[in-house]
Amino acid sequence: MSSGGWSRRRFVGALARTAAAVAALPVATACGGDAAPRSSAAPTTPEAGPGASSGPGESSGPRPLFLGTYTSAEGGGKGIGLAEYDPRTGRITGRGTLTGVDDPSYLAPHPDGRTLYAVNEREEGAVTAVRLSDRTVLGSRSTGGAGPCHLSVHPGGRWLLSADYGSGSVAVHPIEDSGALGERTDLVTHSSPGPGPGPGPGQQGPHAHQFLTAPDGGHLLAVDLGTDTVHTYRLDERAGTLTEVARAHTRPGAGPRHLTFHPGGRHAYLANEVDNTVAVCAYDPDTGRLSIGEAQSTGTGPGTSHPAQILVTADGSYAYLANRGHNSLTRYAVEADGAGLRLLDTVPVGGDFPRHIAFSPDGGLLFAANQRSGTVSVFRVDEGSGELRLTGEPFASPVAVCALPL
């Protein structure tokens, strides 16, 4: 099967042919043997590359911005987009493309800032490491599953965690001192949904959409859209193996996609893609148990819209939700030390189908990657009110599905 356009783009086409109530969900979202590591420097365009020498917290001068895309999609990119942004104005300047990385639909940095990791969202899924100092592709490793759509680095910096949307599995890879990836140490495939009401779009089987570490550092949480479940694992940090310790279930048909924690570590917020809701969750760091609260409005009204990602400010005062379909960002006030969300407003995102949102390291800017319009919008975040103000014209980036400011 041809790469990149496989599962979720195929699912989108099927979804568009369903009843009008669930019409047009082009969820190319979420997003064999191991690939041989590539040690030679990957080619770049003549103007390629923001430098990676300055620390992530510095705000003087241009800062690097990395852009994910689908290389196999019509009109898609040629690899990982390279750009810079001005932390004062939010203006983005293109700096070329890092080629040699296929379908890099999601990106994540190593905590030391020296290595960038990308999923290769293909039927034979893989993850790739890139050294930032000279933009050398350090190699790729198989995830053992299909269509990886999310990855993150364990806070200790020794393990890469990835989620395979197509196969509903999560994987662990060791990270070497160089930043390169070793052979996979574990793979866990989620079970299919049990008996119940008819599944929602994309819920005919397990679809792992996110794999992250809780603030306590001792538990990993995997969000599965297909089974309406959030799985909690413990990671053996010596062996790189997973042990499941808890499961939390949303209401049937919610389709959980993305979870983010309040900085207090006792609450989290869950974006539900299929039924267009969010939920406040209580979290027990001792056991890793997540308790999912009642579904809440996204403020997008009766039209078809699908939440993509939710973020919380570093001080825990405000949360923001990206809405695909409504093409907006919802702003919430966080209340009761993280236990409540109060909907404040929605603002136009300035593009079509906001797939991914991210804060700049200082929290002053919010970047939105708009998949269908092929643009990245940048907003100034008001420190006091949390209000968002578009900083200028969106930056053109082919099939923009991830924007990672460092």
Protein backbone atom coordinates (compact mmCIF):
# COMPACT_ATOMS: atom_id res chain seq x y z
CA MET A 1 0.00 0.00 0.00
CA SER A 2 1.32 3.46 -0.77
CA SER A 3 2.72 5.25 2.23
CA GLY A 4 1.26 8.17 4.11
CA GLY A 5 -2.17 8.20 2.48
CA TRP A 6 -3.16 4.93 4.12
CA SER A 7 -5.24 4.66 7.28
CA ARG A 8 -6.60 7.92 8.45
CA ARG A 9 -6.81 9.52 5.04
CA ARG A 10 -8.56 6.35 3.87
CA PHE A 11 -10.80 6.57 6.94
CA VAL A 12 -11.55 10.18 6.09
CA GLY A 13 -12.82 9.18 2.69
CA ALA A 14 -15.04 6.53 4.22
CA LEU A 15 -16.29 8.97 6.81
CA ALA A 16 -17.23 11.49 4.14
CA ARG A 17 -19.51 8.89 2.65
CA THR A 18 -21.39 8.29 5.89
CA ALA A 19 -24.56 9.98 7.08
CA ALA A 20 -24.71 13.75 7.18
CA ALA A 21 -24.51 13.78 10.95
CA VAL A 22 -20.88 12.76 10.73
CA ALA A 23 -20.10 14.16 7.32
CA ALA A 24 -16.57 15.07 6.25
CA LEU A 25 -14.10 14.25 8.93
CA PRO A 26 -10.81 14.19 7.02
CA VAL A 27 -9.02 12.90 10.06
CA ALA A 28 -5.65 12.29 8.55
CA THR A 29 -4.86 13.02 12.13
CA ALA A 30 -3.44 11.24 14.70
CA CYS A 31 -1.25 11.20 13.04
CA GLY A 32 7.88 -5.11 8.80
CA GLY A 33 11.49 -5.11 9.79
CA ASP A 34 13.39 -2.23 11.32
CA ALA A 35 14.68 0.37 8.95
CA ALA A 36 18.44 0.48 8.69
CA PRO A 37 19.92 3.52 10.45
CA ARG A 38 21.15 6.25 8.14
CA SER A 39 24.34 7.87 9.33
CA SER A 40 25.05 10.32 6.53
CA ALA A 41 23.77 13.90 6.68
CA ALA A 42 20.37 14.32 5.11
CA PRO A 43 20.22 16.83 2.26
CA THR A 44 18.68 20.21 2.83
CA THR A 45 17.75 23.07 0.55
CA PRO A 46 20.47 25.71 0.01
CA GLU A 47 19.00 28.02 2.65
CA ALA A 48 18.29 25.23 5.14
CA GLY A 49 18.32 25.38 8.76
CA PRO A 50 17.79 27.40 11.87
CA GLY A 51 20.59 26.80 14.30
CA ALA A 52 20.03 24.89 17.51
CA SER A 53 22.87 26.31 19.58
CA SER A 54 20.89 28.60 21.86
CA GLY A 55 18.89 27.20 24.77
CA PRO A 56 15.14 26.71 24.57
CA GLY A 57 14.46 29.40 27.16
CA GLU A 58 16.31 32.19 25.38
CA SER A 59 14.15 34.78 23.66
CA SER A 60 16.65 37.20 22.10
CA GLY A 61 16.96 36.87 18.35
CA PRO A 62 15.26 34.39 16.03
CA ARG A 63 14.22 31.03 17.43
CA PRO A 64 13.93 27.71 15.52
CA LEU A 65 10.58 26.37 14.35
CA PHE A 66 10.14 22.88 12.92
CA LEU A 67 7.16 21.96 10.74
CA GLY A 68 5.61 18.52 10.25
CA THR A 69 3.79 17.46 7.10
CA TYR A 70 2.77 14.51 4.96
CA THR A 71 5.35 13.94 2.24
CA SER A 72 3.08 11.44 0.48
CA ALA A 73 0.02 13.71 0.37
CA GLU A 74 -0.89 15.68 -2.72
CA GLY A 75 0.65 19.11 -2.27
CA GLY A 76 2.52 17.93 0.81
CA GLY A 77 6.00 18.81 1.94
CA LYS A 78 9.35 17.24 1.10
CA GLY A 79 10.38 16.55 4.68
CA ILE A 80 10.60 18.46 7.96
CA GLY A 81 10.10 22.17 7.33
CA LEU A 82 12.77 24.47 8.79
CA ALA A 83 11.93 28.00 9.85
CA GLU A 84 12.66 30.70 12.39
CA TYR A 85 10.30 32.93 14.34
CA ASP A 86 10.76 36.27 16.05
CA PRO A 87 9.70 35.79 19.70
CA ARG A 88 8.68 39.45 19.93
CA THR A 89 6.55 39.74 16.80
CA GLY A 90 5.75 36.10 16.00
CA ARG A 91 6.87 36.58 12.40
CA ILE A 92 7.98 33.32 10.76
CA THR A 93 10.74 33.11 8.15
CA GLY A 94 11.24 29.94 6.12
CA ARG A 95 14.70 28.37 6.14
CA GLY A 96 14.28 25.38 3.86
CA THR A 97 13.53 21.71 4.33
CA LEU A 98 15.22 18.75 5.94
CA THR A 99 14.67 15.93 3.47
CA GLY A 100 15.13 12.21 4.06
CA VAL A 101 12.30 11.95 6.62
CA ASP A 102 9.05 10.43 5.33
CA ASP A 103 5.63 11.63 6.48
CA PRO A 104 6.87 13.43 9.62
CA SER A 105 3.38 14.28 10.89
CA TYR A 106 4.39 14.76 14.54
CA LEU A 107 7.61 16.09 16.08
CA ALA A 108 9.07 16.18 19.59
CA PRO A 109 12.44 17.37 20.97
CA HIS A 110 14.76 15.64 23.40
CA PRO A 111 14.87 17.46 26.76
CA ASP A 112 18.52 18.40 26.15
CA GLY A 113 17.54 20.21 22.93
CA ARG A 114 20.10 18.39 20.80
CA THR A 115 17.87 15.88 19.01
CA LEU A 116 14.53 16.05 17.24
CA TYR A 117 12.27 13.02 16.84
CA ALA A 118 9.64 12.49 14.16
CA VAL A 119 7.03 9.84 13.49
CA ASN A 120 6.92 8.34 10.02
CA GLU A 121 3.15 7.98 9.66
CA ARG A 122 3.06 5.09 7.23
CA GLU A 123 1.55 1.64 7.18
CA GLU A 124 4.90 0.21 8.28
CA GLY A 125 5.35 2.77 11.03
CA ALA A 126 8.69 4.11 12.17
CA VAL A 127 10.27 6.84 14.26
CA THR A 128 13.28 8.90 13.19
CA ALA A 129 15.97 10.82 15.10
CA VAL A 130 17.60 14.01 13.77
CA ARG A 131 20.68 15.68 15.31
CA LEU A 132 19.92 19.39 15.36
CA SER A 133 23.44 20.82 15.39
CA ASP A 134 24.07 19.77 11.79
CA ARG A 135 20.64 18.39 10.85
CA THR A 136 21.91 14.85 10.38
CA VAL A 137 19.34 12.07 10.20
CA LEU A 138 20.59 9.56 12.79
CA GLY A 139 18.34 6.74 11.62
CA SER A 140 14.87 5.25 11.87
CA ARG A 141 13.42 2.36 13.84
CA SER A 142 10.22 0.41 13.31
CA THR A 143 7.45 0.99 15.82
CA GLY A 144 6.11 -2.48 15.12
CA GLY A 145 2.74 -0.96 14.30
CA ALA A 146 0.90 1.06 11.65
CA GLY A 147 0.50 4.80 11.29
CA PRO A 148 2.39 6.29 14.27
CA CYS A 149 0.85 9.69 15.00
CA HIS A 150 2.38 10.85 18.29
CA LEU A 151 5.63 10.56 20.19
CA SER A 152 7.20 12.00 23.31
CA VAL A 153 10.43 11.63 25.24
CA HIS A 154 10.36 10.29 28.78
CA PRO A 155 11.62 13.06 31.15
CA GLY A 156 14.76 11.07 31.96
CA GLY A 157 15.76 11.35 28.31
CA ARG A 158 16.46 7.63 27.85
CA TRP A 159 13.22 6.41 26.29
CA LEU A 160 11.09 7.43 23.30
CA LEU A 161 7.37 6.72 23.54
CA SER A 162 5.20 6.46 20.43
CA ALA A 163 1.54 5.78 19.58
CA ASP A 164 0.44 3.87 16.46
CA TYR A 165 -2.98 5.05 15.33
CA GLY A 166 -3.54 2.40 12.69
CA SER A 167 -2.74 -0.64 14.81
CA GLY A 168 -3.83 0.76 18.17
CA SER A 169 -0.46 0.09 19.78
CA VAL A 170 2.17 1.89 21.81
CA ALA A 171 5.92 1.33 21.61
CA VAL A 172 9.09 2.12 23.55
CA HIS A 173 12.55 2.73 22.05
CA PRO A 174 15.80 3.35 23.93
CA ILE A 175 17.63 6.61 23.26
CA GLU A 176 21.40 6.36 22.98
CA ASP A 177 23.84 8.97 24.27
CA SER A 178 24.14 10.32 20.73
CA GLY A 179 20.38 10.82 20.53
CA ALA A 180 19.98 7.94 18.07
CA LEU A 181 17.35 5.28 18.68
CA GLY A 182 17.96 1.65 19.59
CA GLU A 183 15.84 -1.37 18.82
CA ARG A 184 12.32 -1.32 20.21
CA THR A 185 12.09 -2.71 23.76
CA ASP A 186 8.32 -3.09 24.02
CA LEU A 187 5.11 -3.01 22.02
CA VAL A 188 1.61 -3.22 23.50
CA THR A 189 -1.49 -3.47 21.30
CA HIS A 190 -4.77 -2.30 22.78
CA SER A 191 -7.80 -4.57 22.68
CA SER A 192 -10.82 -3.93 20.46
CA PRO A 193 -13.87 -2.18 21.92
CA GLY A 194 -16.26 -4.37 23.86
CA PRO A 195 -20.01 -4.72 23.22
CA GLY A 196 -21.96 -1.52 23.45
CA PRO A 197 -23.63 1.15 21.35
CA GLY A 198 -22.56 1.54 17.75
CA PRO A 199 -19.04 2.91 17.44
CA GLY A 200 -18.42 6.45 16.32
CA PRO A 201 -16.26 7.44 13.31
CA GLY A 202 -12.84 5.82 13.57
CA GLN A 203 -13.93 3.52 16.39
CA GLN A 204 -14.10 0.18 14.61
CA GLY A 205 -10.95 -0.89 16.45
CA PRO A 206 -8.22 0.47 18.74
CA HIS A 207 -6.53 3.68 17.59
CA ALA A 208 -3.82 4.91 19.95
CA HIS A 209 -3.54 8.67 19.50
CA GLN A 210 -1.15 9.88 22.18
CA PHE A 211 1.48 8.46 24.56
CA LEU A 212 2.87 10.75 27.26
CA THR A 213 4.39 10.81 30.73
CA ALA A 214 2.37 12.09 33.69
CA PRO A 215 3.91 14.93 35.77
CA ASP A 216 4.80 12.46 38.53
CA GLY A 217 7.21 10.79 36.09
CA GLY A 218 6.23 7.33 37.24
CA HIS A 219 3.27 6.71 34.96
CA LEU A 220 2.68 6.80 31.21
CA LEU A 221 -0.75 7.46 29.72
CA ALA A 222 -1.92 6.27 26.32
CA VAL A 223 -5.07 7.84 24.85
CA ASP A 224 -6.99 5.52 22.52
CA LEU A 225 -9.63 7.13 20.31
CA GLY A 226 -10.97 3.84 19.00
CA THR A 227 -11.76 2.25 22.37
CA ASP A 228 -12.78 5.35 24.36
CA THR A 229 -10.03 4.48 26.83
CA VAL A 230 -7.02 6.04 28.53
CA HIS A 231 -4.52 3.37 29.57
CA THR A 232 -2.01 3.93 32.39
CA TYR A 233 1.31 2.10 32.33
CA ARG A 234 4.41 1.90 34.45
CA LEU A 235 7.73 1.95 32.62
CA ASP A 236 10.61 -0.23 33.75
CA GLU A 237 13.36 2.31 33.23
CA ARG A 238 16.04 -0.37 33.09
CA ALA A 239 14.42 -2.70 30.60
CA GLY A 240 12.15 -0.27 28.73
CA THR A 241 9.08 -2.47 29.22
CA LEU A 242 5.50 -1.53 30.05
CA THR A 243 3.10 -2.82 32.69
CA GLU A 244 -0.52 -1.66 32.56
CA VAL A 245 -1.83 -0.54 35.95
CA ALA A 246 -5.16 1.20 35.20
CA ARG A 247 -7.76 2.07 32.58
CA ALA A 248 -10.19 4.96 32.40
CA HIS A 249 -13.16 5.01 30.05
CA THR A 250 -14.91 7.98 28.51
CA ARG A 251 -18.59 7.90 27.68
CA PRO A 252 -19.21 5.70 24.61
CA GLY A 253 -18.49 7.42 21.33
CA ALA A 254 -16.44 10.28 22.78
CA GLY A 255 -13.32 9.39 20.81
CA PRO A 256 -10.60 10.75 23.15
CA ARG A 257 -7.69 12.21 21.21
CA HIS A 258 -5.42 14.39 23.34
CA LEU A 259 -4.72 14.78 27.06
CA THR A 260 -2.81 17.55 28.79
CA PHE A 261 -2.04 17.98 32.47
CA HIS A 262 -2.57 20.95 34.74
CA PRO A 263 0.81 22.02 36.20
CA GLY A 264 -0.42 21.05 39.66
CA GLY A 265 -0.31 17.42 38.55
CA ARG A 266 -3.69 16.45 40.05
CA HIS A 267 -5.92 17.25 37.09
CA ALA A 268 -5.85 16.84 33.34
CA TYR A 269 -8.00 17.86 30.37
CA LEU A 270 -9.14 15.50 27.64
CA ALA A 271 -10.10 16.57 24.11
CA ASN A 272 -12.68 14.21 22.61
CA GLU A 273 -12.48 14.21 18.83
CA VAL A 274 -15.58 12.25 17.85
CA ASP A 275 -18.31 13.85 19.99
CA ASN A 276 -16.79 17.38 20.05
CA THR A 277 -16.38 17.72 23.82
CA VAL A 278 -13.75 18.19 26.51
CA ALA A 279 -13.60 16.63 29.95
CA VAL A 280 -11.83 17.54 33.19
CA CYS A 281 -10.07 14.54 34.72
CA ALA A 282 -8.87 13.93 38.25
CA TYR A 283 -5.50 12.19 38.48
CA ASP A 284 -3.97 10.20 41.34
CA PRO A 285 -0.17 10.31 41.02
CA ASP A 286 0.26 7.47 43.52
CA THR A 287 -1.71 4.94 41.49
CA GLY A 288 -1.77 6.54 38.04
CA ARG A 289 -5.55 6.34 37.99
CA LEU A 290 -7.41 8.86 35.86
CA SER A 291 -11.06 9.69 36.61
CA ILE A 292 -12.78 11.25 33.61
CA GLY A 293 -15.43 13.86 34.36
CA GLU A 294 -18.54 14.95 32.50
CA ALA A 295 -18.39 16.08 28.89
CA GLN A 296 -18.28 19.86 28.42
CA SER A 297 -18.92 22.16 25.49
CA THR A 298 -16.23 23.34 23.12
CA GLY A 299 -18.23 26.46 22.26
CA THR A 300 -18.33 25.59 18.56
CA GLY A 301 -22.10 25.33 18.20
CA PRO A 302 -24.15 22.73 16.30
CA GLY A 303 -21.95 22.38 13.19
CA THR A 304 -19.52 19.54 12.54
CA SER A 305 -16.25 20.11 14.37
CA HIS A 306 -13.60 17.87 15.86
CA PRO A 307 -11.25 18.91 18.68
CA ALA A 308 -7.60 18.28 17.92
CA GLN A 309 -5.48 19.33 20.86
CA ILE A 310 -5.75 21.08 24.22
CA LEU A 311 -3.03 23.13 25.95
CA VAL A 312 -2.72 24.69 29.41
CA THR A 313 -0.63 27.74 30.27
CA ALA A 314 2.41 27.19 32.47
CA ASP A 315 0.76 29.00 35.39
CA GLY A 316 -2.37 26.85 35.03
CA SER A 317 -4.72 29.80 34.49
CA TYR A 318 -6.01 29.18 30.95
CA ALA A 319 -6.57 26.32 28.54
CA TYR A 320 -6.89 26.41 24.76
CA LEU A 321 -8.56 23.93 22.41
CA ALA A 322 -8.04 23.65 18.64
CA ASN A 323 -11.28 22.98 16.73
CA ARG A 324 -11.14 21.44 13.25
CA GLY A 325 -14.27 22.25 11.27
CA HIS A 326 -15.22 25.30 13.30
CA ASN A 327 -11.64 26.46 12.60
CA SER A 328 -11.25 28.20 15.91
CA LEU A 329 -9.43 28.18 19.22
CA THR A 330 -11.52 27.92 22.37
CA ARG A 331 -10.29 29.72 25.49
CA TYR A 332 -11.15 28.37 28.94
CA ALA A 333 -10.50 29.80 32.38
CA VAL A 334 -9.05 27.11 34.64
CA GLU A 335 -10.72 27.18 38.04
CA ALA A 336 -10.60 25.45 41.45
CA ASP A 337 -6.87 24.70 41.27
CA GLY A 338 -7.34 22.80 38.04
CA ALA A 339 -10.60 21.01 38.86
CA GLY A 340 -12.77 23.13 36.56
CA LEU A 341 -12.88 24.64 33.08
CA ARG A 342 -15.06 27.66 32.31
CA LEU A 343 -15.63 28.43 28.64
CA LEU A 344 -14.73 32.05 27.83
CA ASP A 345 -14.80 32.42 24.05
CA THR A 346 -13.68 31.14 20.67
CA VAL A 347 -11.53 33.04 18.18
CA PRO A 348 -11.00 32.28 14.47
CA VAL A 349 -7.74 30.42 13.91
CA GLY A 350 -7.00 32.21 10.65
CA GLY A 351 -6.70 28.96 8.70
CA ASP A 352 -8.47 25.73 7.80
CA PHE A 353 -8.41 22.59 9.99
CA PRO A 354 -6.10 23.44 12.94
CA ARG A 355 -4.42 20.09 13.55
CA HIS A 356 -1.78 20.98 16.14
CA ILE A 357 -1.13 23.86 18.55
CA ALA A 358 1.94 24.64 20.65
CA PHE A 359 3.26 27.38 22.91
CA SER A 360 6.61 29.03 22.43
CA PRO A 361 8.99 28.12 25.30
CA ASP A 362 8.23 31.39 27.13
CA GLY A 363 4.47 30.92 26.68
CA GLY A 364 4.07 34.26 24.96
CA LEU A 365 3.09 32.87 21.56
CA LEU A 366 0.71 30.13 20.43
CA PHE A 367 1.32 28.43 17.06
CA ALA A 368 -1.45 26.66 15.15
CA ALA A 369 -0.71 24.31 12.22
CA ASN A 370 -3.63 24.42 9.78
CA GLN A 371 -3.65 21.26 7.69
CA ARG A 372 -6.07 22.06 4.88
CA SER A 373 -4.99 25.64 4.25
CA GLY A 374 -1.29 24.74 4.54
CA THR A 375 -0.55 27.57 6.94
CA VAL A 376 0.75 28.29 10.43
CA SER A 377 -1.05 30.98 12.43
CA VAL A 378 0.69 32.71 15.32
CA PHE A 379 -1.11 34.33 18.27
CA ARG A 380 0.15 36.56 21.05
CA VAL A 381 -1.08 35.23 24.41
CA ASP A 382 -2.04 37.98 26.87
CA GLU A 383 -0.40 37.09 30.16
CA GLY A 384 -3.17 38.53 32.30
CA SER A 385 -6.40 37.73 30.46
CA GLY A 386 -5.28 34.80 28.34
CA GLU A 387 -6.79 36.50 25.28
CA LEU A 388 -5.35 35.56 21.89
CA ARG A 389 -4.39 38.11 19.26
CA LEU A 390 -3.34 37.07 15.75
CA THR A 391 0.12 38.53 15.11
CA GLY A 392 0.02 38.85 11.32
CA GLU A 393 -0.57 36.93 8.13
CA PRO A 394 -0.30 33.13 8.50
CA PHE A 395 2.90 31.51 7.24
CA ALA A 396 2.55 29.19 4.24
CA SER A 397 3.68 25.62 4.90
CA PRO A 398 2.49 22.67 2.76
CA VAL A 399 -0.04 20.40 4.53
CA ALA A 400 0.92 21.84 7.92
CA VAL A 401 0.10 19.21 10.54
CA CYS A 402 2.62 20.09 13.26
CA ALA A 403 4.38 23.30 14.33
CA LEU A 404 7.10 22.91 16.96
CA PRO A 405 8.70 26.13 18.28
CA LEU A 406 11.90 25.79 20.31
